[in-house]
Each structure stands twice: as structure tokens, then as C-alpha cells.
Amino acid sequence: MIIEGTYDDPKLASAKWLAYEFKGKPGDPQRMPPQIAPYHLRLDWMMWFAGFSSYDENPWFVHLVEKLLQGDAQTLSLLRSNPFPGNPPHYIRAELYEYRFATPEEHKATGRWWDRQFSSGYFPVVAMDTPGFRQVLAAQGWL
């Protein structure tokens, strides 16, 4: 799962989406996989499992998106990098990809450690003022 944000109008094909990078889970295909065993980074682990079900079954994920839209420092400290260091994005979405390790030949030719293929959307584009998003946050007691 890749969480992305943008300042641009998400309806435009030219919108520039930037991905949040996590400490342990695959993200940027150019980034070497980290060695973290025998430990598990809880958020990265939860993200992996969330991808096997709907975000409806993972209310914590909706709260995570809220915190990213707010630019919450404690939440951002759980991530490897924040592509929005000045101000949080106006919009966030999440998409699912299938990853596989690049072959040695692919890695040598491209520098990529991973090969990834888009699978499907996971979480729709939302902003802090998106009505359905606000309803879910309120129902969970997060607003």
C-alpha cells in the first residue's frame, strides 16, 4: 500500500502525487530493502495486513489519514520521510501495488530493488473537509 498526498486539484491529470515512505515496508522501488529482523515496525506491519482487507475494516487507517492531513508531528515521526515538510497536503489517497524483488539483471540495469505493478485503489481521495470522511472521523470520536 502506498499513501500519497498532493496540493493540486486531484481531478487534474497533471496533479503531482508524492508518496509517504515508511521505515520498513516496500515503497520506492529504488530503495534497498532495510534489515530490521528480528523486529517488526508496528505501523509498517499493520499497513501490510490492511492491504488484505478494506479500509472499512481498519478504522485506525482513517485516523492515520486524518493525522497526515493535519501534519501531526508524532504520526510523521513513525515514517521514514515526509514529502510535505512545510505544510501537510490538501488531499490524500492510498493505492495498492504488488511487489516482487527485481532480478539481479533488472537491478544491475535499472538500480531498482523492486518491481511493482498497480493493483487497485485502496482509500479514495479525501481532504479534511470531505463530508463522508468527516462523518467517519466524528463517528469514531476523532473530531
N, C-alpha and C. Protein backbone atom coordinates (compact mmCIF):
# COMPACT_ATOMS: atom_id res chain seq x y z
N MET A 1 0.85 -1.17 0.00
CA MET A 1 0.00 0.00 0.00
C MET A 1 0.89 1.24 0.00
N ILE A 2 0.54 2.17 -0.84
CA ILE A 2 1.27 3.44 -0.92
C ILE A 2 0.29 4.55 -0.60
N ILE A 3 0.65 5.39 0.37
CA ILE A 3 -0.15 6.57 0.72
C ILE A 3 0.50 7.76 0.05
N GLU A 4 -0.31 8.51 -0.68
CA GLU A 4 0.20 9.68 -1.41
C GLU A 4 -0.63 10.91 -1.07
N GLY A 5 0.01 12.06 -1.18
CA GLY A 5 -0.67 13.32 -0.96
C GLY A 5 -0.35 14.29 -2.08
N THR A 6 -1.17 15.32 -2.18
CA THR A 6 -0.94 16.36 -3.18
C THR A 6 -1.53 17.68 -2.70
N TYR A 7 -0.96 18.76 -3.20
CA TYR A 7 -1.52 20.10 -3.01
C TYR A 7 -2.46 20.45 -4.17
N ASP A 8 -2.31 19.71 -5.26
CA ASP A 8 -3.03 20.01 -6.51
C ASP A 8 -4.47 19.52 -6.48
N ASP A 9 -5.25 20.01 -7.44
CA ASP A 9 -6.61 19.52 -7.62
C ASP A 9 -6.50 18.07 -8.07
N PRO A 10 -7.02 17.12 -7.28
CA PRO A 10 -6.85 15.70 -7.62
C PRO A 10 -7.58 15.27 -8.87
N LYS A 11 -8.50 16.10 -9.36
CA LYS A 11 -9.23 15.75 -10.57
C LYS A 11 -8.40 15.99 -11.83
N LEU A 12 -7.31 16.75 -11.70
CA LEU A 12 -6.46 17.05 -12.85
C LEU A 12 -5.47 15.91 -13.09
N ALA A 13 -5.31 15.55 -14.35
CA ALA A 13 -4.33 14.52 -14.69
C ALA A 13 -2.91 14.97 -14.36
N SER A 14 -2.70 16.27 -14.29
CA SER A 14 -1.37 16.80 -14.01
C SER A 14 -1.06 16.90 -12.51
N ALA A 15 -1.99 16.48 -11.65
CA ALA A 15 -1.77 16.55 -10.20
C ALA A 15 -0.50 15.76 -9.86
N LYS A 16 0.35 16.37 -9.04
CA LYS A 16 1.60 15.73 -8.64
C LYS A 16 1.40 15.06 -7.27
N TRP A 17 1.35 13.75 -7.27
CA TRP A 17 1.17 12.96 -6.06
C TRP A 17 2.53 12.56 -5.52
N LEU A 18 2.77 12.79 -4.24
CA LEU A 18 4.03 12.43 -3.58
C LEU A 18 3.75 11.37 -2.52
N ALA A 19 4.59 10.35 -2.49
CA ALA A 19 4.37 9.21 -1.58
C ALA A 19 5.07 9.41 -0.24
N TYR A 20 4.39 9.00 0.82
CA TYR A 20 5.00 8.90 2.14
C TYR A 20 5.81 7.61 2.14
N GLU A 21 7.01 7.66 2.67
CA GLU A 21 7.85 6.47 2.77
C GLU A 21 7.83 5.95 4.20
N PHE A 22 7.70 4.66 4.34
CA PHE A 22 7.71 4.01 5.64
C PHE A 22 9.09 3.44 5.90
N LYS A 23 9.37 3.15 7.15
CA LYS A 23 10.72 2.71 7.54
C LYS A 23 11.06 1.30 7.07
N GLY A 24 10.08 0.42 7.05
CA GLY A 24 10.40 -0.96 6.74
C GLY A 24 9.72 -1.56 5.53
N LYS A 25 8.51 -1.13 5.24
CA LYS A 25 7.78 -1.77 4.15
C LYS A 25 8.24 -1.26 2.79
N PRO A 26 8.05 -2.05 1.75
CA PRO A 26 8.43 -1.59 0.41
C PRO A 26 7.68 -0.33 0.02
N GLY A 27 8.34 0.51 -0.71
CA GLY A 27 7.76 1.75 -1.21
C GLY A 27 8.45 2.09 -2.51
N ASP A 28 9.40 3.01 -2.46
CA ASP A 28 10.17 3.41 -3.64
C ASP A 28 10.94 2.21 -4.18
N PRO A 29 10.70 1.83 -5.43
CA PRO A 29 11.40 0.67 -6.00
C PRO A 29 12.92 0.82 -6.03
N GLN A 30 13.43 2.05 -5.95
CA GLN A 30 14.87 2.29 -5.98
C GLN A 30 15.52 2.11 -4.59
N ARG A 31 14.72 2.04 -3.54
CA ARG A 31 15.27 1.97 -2.18
C ARG A 31 15.57 0.53 -1.79
N MET A 32 16.79 0.31 -1.31
CA MET A 32 17.21 -1.02 -0.87
C MET A 32 16.36 -1.45 0.33
N PRO A 33 15.91 -2.71 0.34
CA PRO A 33 15.13 -3.18 1.49
C PRO A 33 15.96 -3.10 2.76
N PRO A 34 15.38 -2.58 3.85
CA PRO A 34 16.14 -2.50 5.09
C PRO A 34 16.19 -3.84 5.82
N GLN A 35 17.21 -4.00 6.64
CA GLN A 35 17.30 -5.18 7.50
C GLN A 35 16.78 -4.77 8.87
N ILE A 36 15.61 -5.28 9.25
CA ILE A 36 15.02 -4.90 10.53
C ILE A 36 14.76 -6.09 11.45
N ALA A 37 14.92 -7.32 10.94
CA ALA A 37 14.67 -8.51 11.75
C ALA A 37 15.63 -8.52 12.94
N PRO A 38 15.25 -8.99 14.07
CA PRO A 38 14.03 -9.73 14.35
C PRO A 38 12.86 -8.84 14.76
N TYR A 39 12.97 -7.56 14.55
CA TYR A 39 11.93 -6.62 14.98
C TYR A 39 10.91 -6.41 13.87
N HIS A 40 9.73 -5.95 14.28
CA HIS A 40 8.72 -5.54 13.32
C HIS A 40 8.30 -4.13 13.68
N LEU A 41 8.27 -3.28 12.70
CA LEU A 41 7.78 -1.93 12.90
C LEU A 41 6.26 -1.99 12.84
N ARG A 42 5.63 -1.67 13.93
CA ARG A 42 4.19 -1.92 14.07
C ARG A 42 3.35 -1.29 12.96
N LEU A 43 3.57 -0.01 12.67
CA LEU A 43 2.75 0.64 11.65
C LEU A 43 2.97 -0.01 10.28
N ASP A 44 4.22 -0.29 9.94
CA ASP A 44 4.51 -0.94 8.66
C ASP A 44 3.82 -2.30 8.59
N TRP A 45 3.85 -3.04 9.67
CA TRP A 45 3.22 -4.36 9.75
C TRP A 45 1.71 -4.24 9.59
N MET A 46 1.11 -3.26 10.28
CA MET A 46 -0.34 -3.06 10.18
C MET A 46 -0.74 -2.66 8.77
N MET A 47 0.10 -1.86 8.11
CA MET A 47 -0.19 -1.46 6.73
C MET A 47 -0.23 -2.68 5.81
N TRP A 48 0.71 -3.61 6.03
CA TRP A 48 0.77 -4.81 5.21
C TRP A 48 -0.54 -5.60 5.35
N PHE A 49 -0.98 -5.80 6.58
CA PHE A 49 -2.22 -6.55 6.80
C PHE A 49 -3.45 -5.80 6.32
N ALA A 50 -3.45 -4.47 6.44
CA ALA A 50 -4.61 -3.68 5.99
C ALA A 50 -4.86 -3.87 4.51
N GLY A 51 -3.81 -4.08 3.75
CA GLY A 51 -3.96 -4.26 2.30
C GLY A 51 -4.72 -5.51 1.92
N PHE A 52 -4.91 -6.44 2.86
CA PHE A 52 -5.66 -7.66 2.58
C PHE A 52 -7.15 -7.51 2.81
N SER A 53 -7.56 -6.35 3.30
CA SER A 53 -8.98 -6.11 3.57
C SER A 53 -9.30 -4.66 3.22
N SER A 54 -10.52 -4.27 3.44
CA SER A 54 -10.96 -2.92 3.13
C SER A 54 -10.61 -1.96 4.26
N TYR A 55 -10.46 -0.70 3.93
CA TYR A 55 -10.20 0.29 4.98
C TYR A 55 -11.37 0.37 5.97
N ASP A 56 -12.57 -0.05 5.55
CA ASP A 56 -13.72 -0.09 6.47
C ASP A 56 -13.42 -1.00 7.66
N GLU A 57 -12.61 -2.02 7.43
CA GLU A 57 -12.27 -2.97 8.48
C GLU A 57 -11.05 -2.52 9.29
N ASN A 58 -10.50 -1.38 8.93
CA ASN A 58 -9.31 -0.85 9.60
C ASN A 58 -9.53 0.62 9.95
N PRO A 59 -10.38 0.90 10.93
CA PRO A 59 -10.67 2.30 11.25
C PRO A 59 -9.44 3.09 11.66
N TRP A 60 -8.41 2.43 12.17
CA TRP A 60 -7.17 3.13 12.51
C TRP A 60 -6.56 3.79 11.28
N PHE A 61 -6.79 3.19 10.09
CA PHE A 61 -6.22 3.75 8.87
C PHE A 61 -6.84 5.11 8.55
N VAL A 62 -8.14 5.24 8.77
CA VAL A 62 -8.82 6.52 8.54
C VAL A 62 -8.23 7.58 9.48
N HIS A 63 -7.96 7.18 10.70
CA HIS A 63 -7.36 8.10 11.67
C HIS A 63 -5.94 8.48 11.25
N LEU A 64 -5.19 7.53 10.71
CA LEU A 64 -3.85 7.81 10.19
C LEU A 64 -3.91 8.86 9.08
N VAL A 65 -4.86 8.70 8.17
CA VAL A 65 -5.02 9.68 7.08
C VAL A 65 -5.33 11.06 7.65
N GLU A 66 -6.20 11.12 8.64
CA GLU A 66 -6.50 12.40 9.28
C GLU A 66 -5.23 13.04 9.83
N LYS A 67 -4.44 12.26 10.53
CA LYS A 67 -3.21 12.79 11.14
C LYS A 67 -2.23 13.27 10.08
N LEU A 68 -2.15 12.58 8.95
CA LEU A 68 -1.27 13.02 7.86
C LEU A 68 -1.78 14.32 7.24
N LEU A 69 -3.10 14.44 7.10
CA LEU A 69 -3.67 15.68 6.56
C LEU A 69 -3.47 16.85 7.52
N GLN A 70 -3.33 16.55 8.80
CA GLN A 70 -3.07 17.60 9.79
C GLN A 70 -1.58 17.89 9.94
N GLY A 71 -0.73 17.05 9.38
CA GLY A 71 0.71 17.21 9.55
C GLY A 71 1.15 16.93 10.98
N ASP A 72 0.51 15.98 11.64
CA ASP A 72 0.78 15.67 13.03
C ASP A 72 2.22 15.16 13.21
N ALA A 73 3.00 15.85 14.02
CA ALA A 73 4.42 15.54 14.19
C ALA A 73 4.66 14.14 14.76
N GLN A 74 3.85 13.72 15.74
CA GLN A 74 4.04 12.38 16.32
C GLN A 74 3.79 11.28 15.30
N THR A 75 2.77 11.46 14.50
CA THR A 75 2.47 10.48 13.46
C THR A 75 3.57 10.46 12.42
N LEU A 76 4.00 11.62 11.99
CA LEU A 76 5.06 11.71 10.98
C LEU A 76 6.37 11.12 11.48
N SER A 77 6.59 11.10 12.80
CA SER A 77 7.83 10.53 13.34
C SER A 77 7.88 9.01 13.15
N LEU A 78 6.74 8.39 12.87
CA LEU A 78 6.69 6.95 12.63
C LEU A 78 7.10 6.59 11.20
N LEU A 79 7.24 7.59 10.35
CA LEU A 79 7.54 7.37 8.94
C LEU A 79 9.02 7.62 8.65
N ARG A 80 9.47 7.07 7.54
CA ARG A 80 10.86 7.29 7.10
C ARG A 80 11.03 8.70 6.57
N SER A 81 10.05 9.17 5.80
CA SER A 81 10.15 10.51 5.23
C SER A 81 8.77 11.13 5.05
N ASN A 82 8.76 12.44 5.09
CA ASN A 82 7.55 13.23 4.89
C ASN A 82 7.76 14.07 3.65
N PRO A 83 7.03 13.80 2.57
CA PRO A 83 7.21 14.58 1.35
C PRO A 83 6.62 15.98 1.43
N PHE A 84 6.02 16.33 2.57
CA PHE A 84 5.39 17.63 2.76
C PHE A 84 5.93 18.28 4.04
N PRO A 85 7.22 18.61 4.08
CA PRO A 85 7.81 19.12 5.32
C PRO A 85 7.31 20.50 5.75
N GLY A 86 6.89 21.33 4.80
CA GLY A 86 6.43 22.68 5.15
C GLY A 86 5.00 22.72 5.63
N ASN A 87 4.11 22.18 4.83
CA ASN A 87 2.68 22.14 5.12
C ASN A 87 2.12 20.81 4.69
N PRO A 88 1.15 20.28 5.41
CA PRO A 88 0.57 19.00 5.01
C PRO A 88 -0.16 19.14 3.67
N PRO A 89 -0.36 18.02 2.98
CA PRO A 89 -1.06 18.08 1.70
C PRO A 89 -2.53 18.44 1.90
N HIS A 90 -3.16 18.87 0.81
CA HIS A 90 -4.60 19.16 0.85
C HIS A 90 -5.42 17.88 0.67
N TYR A 91 -4.84 16.91 -0.06
CA TYR A 91 -5.55 15.67 -0.38
C TYR A 91 -4.64 14.47 -0.14
N ILE A 92 -5.25 13.35 0.22
CA ILE A 92 -4.52 12.09 0.40
C ILE A 92 -5.34 10.97 -0.22
N ARG A 93 -4.62 9.98 -0.74
CA ARG A 93 -5.23 8.74 -1.24
C ARG A 93 -4.27 7.59 -0.91
N ALA A 94 -4.76 6.37 -1.06
CA ALA A 94 -3.91 5.19 -0.89
C ALA A 94 -4.22 4.21 -2.01
N GLU A 95 -3.16 3.61 -2.53
CA GLU A 95 -3.30 2.65 -3.62
C GLU A 95 -2.51 1.40 -3.31
N LEU A 96 -2.97 0.29 -3.88
CA LEU A 96 -2.31 -1.00 -3.66
C LEU A 96 -1.45 -1.37 -4.87
N TYR A 97 -0.29 -1.91 -4.58
CA TYR A 97 0.63 -2.39 -5.60
C TYR A 97 1.08 -3.79 -5.21
N GLU A 98 1.40 -4.59 -6.21
CA GLU A 98 2.02 -5.89 -5.97
C GLU A 98 3.50 -5.72 -6.24
N TYR A 99 4.30 -6.15 -5.27
CA TYR A 99 5.76 -6.03 -5.35
C TYR A 99 6.40 -7.40 -5.55
N ARG A 100 7.52 -7.40 -6.24
CA ARG A 100 8.40 -8.57 -6.30
C ARG A 100 9.82 -8.03 -6.35
N PHE A 101 10.76 -8.82 -5.87
CA PHE A 101 12.14 -8.40 -5.97
C PHE A 101 12.56 -8.34 -7.43
N ALA A 102 13.32 -7.34 -7.77
CA ALA A 102 13.89 -7.27 -9.12
C ALA A 102 14.91 -8.39 -9.25
N THR A 103 15.04 -8.93 -10.45
CA THR A 103 16.08 -9.94 -10.68
C THR A 103 17.44 -9.26 -10.63
N PRO A 104 18.51 -10.01 -10.43
CA PRO A 104 19.84 -9.39 -10.44
C PRO A 104 20.10 -8.62 -11.74
N GLU A 105 19.62 -9.15 -12.84
CA GLU A 105 19.81 -8.46 -14.13
C GLU A 105 19.05 -7.13 -14.17
N GLU A 106 17.79 -7.15 -13.68
CA GLU A 106 16.99 -5.92 -13.63
C GLU A 106 17.64 -4.89 -12.70
N HIS A 107 18.11 -5.37 -11.54
CA HIS A 107 18.74 -4.45 -10.60
C HIS A 107 19.99 -3.82 -11.20
N LYS A 108 20.79 -4.62 -11.87
CA LYS A 108 22.02 -4.09 -12.49
C LYS A 108 21.70 -3.07 -13.58
N ALA A 109 20.67 -3.34 -14.37
CA ALA A 109 20.31 -2.45 -15.48
C ALA A 109 19.61 -1.18 -15.04
N THR A 110 18.79 -1.26 -13.97
CA THR A 110 17.94 -0.12 -13.60
C THR A 110 18.24 0.47 -12.23
N GLY A 111 18.90 -0.30 -11.37
CA GLY A 111 19.11 0.15 -9.99
C GLY A 111 17.92 -0.12 -9.09
N ARG A 112 16.84 -0.65 -9.64
CA ARG A 112 15.64 -0.94 -8.85
C ARG A 112 15.84 -2.20 -8.03
N TRP A 113 15.40 -2.17 -6.79
CA TRP A 113 15.39 -3.35 -5.94
C TRP A 113 14.06 -4.10 -6.06
N TRP A 114 13.03 -3.36 -6.44
CA TRP A 114 11.68 -3.91 -6.52
C TRP A 114 11.11 -3.66 -7.91
N ASP A 115 10.21 -4.55 -8.30
CA ASP A 115 9.36 -4.31 -9.45
C ASP A 115 7.96 -4.26 -8.88
N ARG A 116 7.20 -3.24 -9.23
CA ARG A 116 5.85 -3.15 -8.69
C ARG A 116 4.85 -2.88 -9.80
N GLN A 117 3.67 -3.42 -9.61
CA GLN A 117 2.57 -3.25 -10.55
C GLN A 117 1.36 -2.75 -9.78
N PHE A 118 0.70 -1.74 -10.34
CA PHE A 118 -0.51 -1.22 -9.72
C PHE A 118 -1.55 -2.34 -9.65
N SER A 119 -2.21 -2.44 -8.49
CA SER A 119 -3.24 -3.46 -8.31
C SER A 119 -4.63 -2.83 -8.28
N SER A 120 -4.83 -1.88 -7.33
CA SER A 120 -6.14 -1.23 -7.23
C SER A 120 -6.05 -0.05 -6.27
N GLY A 121 -7.10 0.74 -6.26
CA GLY A 121 -7.21 1.78 -5.26
C GLY A 121 -7.54 1.15 -3.92
N TYR A 122 -7.15 1.81 -2.85
CA TYR A 122 -7.47 1.30 -1.52
C TYR A 122 -8.33 2.30 -0.76
N PHE A 123 -7.91 3.55 -0.74
CA PHE A 123 -8.62 4.60 0.00
C PHE A 123 -8.84 5.76 -0.95
N PRO A 124 -10.08 6.26 -1.04
CA PRO A 124 -10.37 7.33 -2.01
C PRO A 124 -9.69 8.64 -1.64
N VAL A 125 -9.62 9.52 -2.60
CA VAL A 125 -9.06 10.85 -2.37
C VAL A 125 -9.93 11.58 -1.36
N VAL A 126 -9.31 12.09 -0.29
CA VAL A 126 -10.04 12.85 0.72
C VAL A 126 -9.24 14.09 1.11
N ALA A 127 -9.97 15.08 1.59
CA ALA A 127 -9.41 16.28 2.21
C ALA A 127 -10.05 16.38 3.59
N MET A 128 -9.54 17.26 4.42
CA MET A 128 -10.12 17.39 5.76
C MET A 128 -11.59 17.80 5.72
N ASP A 129 -12.02 18.44 4.65
CA ASP A 129 -13.42 18.87 4.57
C ASP A 129 -14.30 17.94 3.75
N THR A 130 -13.82 16.75 3.39
CA THR A 130 -14.63 15.79 2.66
C THR A 130 -15.74 15.27 3.59
N PRO A 131 -17.03 15.48 3.24
CA PRO A 131 -18.13 15.15 4.17
C PRO A 131 -18.12 13.72 4.70
N GLY A 132 -18.01 12.71 3.84
CA GLY A 132 -18.04 11.33 4.31
C GLY A 132 -16.86 11.01 5.22
N PHE A 133 -15.72 11.58 4.91
CA PHE A 133 -14.52 11.41 5.73
C PHE A 133 -14.74 12.00 7.12
N ARG A 134 -15.31 13.20 7.17
CA ARG A 134 -15.59 13.86 8.45
C ARG A 134 -16.62 13.07 9.26
N GLN A 135 -17.59 12.47 8.58
CA GLN A 135 -18.61 11.67 9.27
C GLN A 135 -17.97 10.46 9.96
N VAL A 136 -17.06 9.79 9.25
CA VAL A 136 -16.39 8.64 9.84
C VAL A 136 -15.54 9.06 11.02
N LEU A 137 -14.82 10.17 10.88
CA LEU A 137 -13.98 10.67 11.99
C LEU A 137 -14.84 11.01 13.19
N ALA A 138 -15.98 11.65 12.95
CA ALA A 138 -16.88 12.04 14.05
C ALA A 138 -17.48 10.79 14.71
N ALA A 139 -17.87 9.81 13.90
CA ALA A 139 -18.48 8.59 14.44
C ALA A 139 -17.48 7.83 15.33
N GLN A 140 -16.21 7.93 15.02
CA GLN A 140 -15.19 7.26 15.82
C GLN A 140 -14.73 8.11 17.01
N GLY A 141 -15.21 9.36 17.09
CA GLY A 141 -14.83 10.25 18.18
C GLY A 141 -13.50 10.95 17.98
N TRP A 142 -13.07 11.05 16.74
CA TRP A 142 -11.77 11.67 16.45
C TRP A 142 -11.87 13.15 16.09
N LEU A 143 -13.07 13.66 15.94
CA LEU A 143 -13.23 15.11 15.65
C LEU A 143 -13.69 15.81 16.91
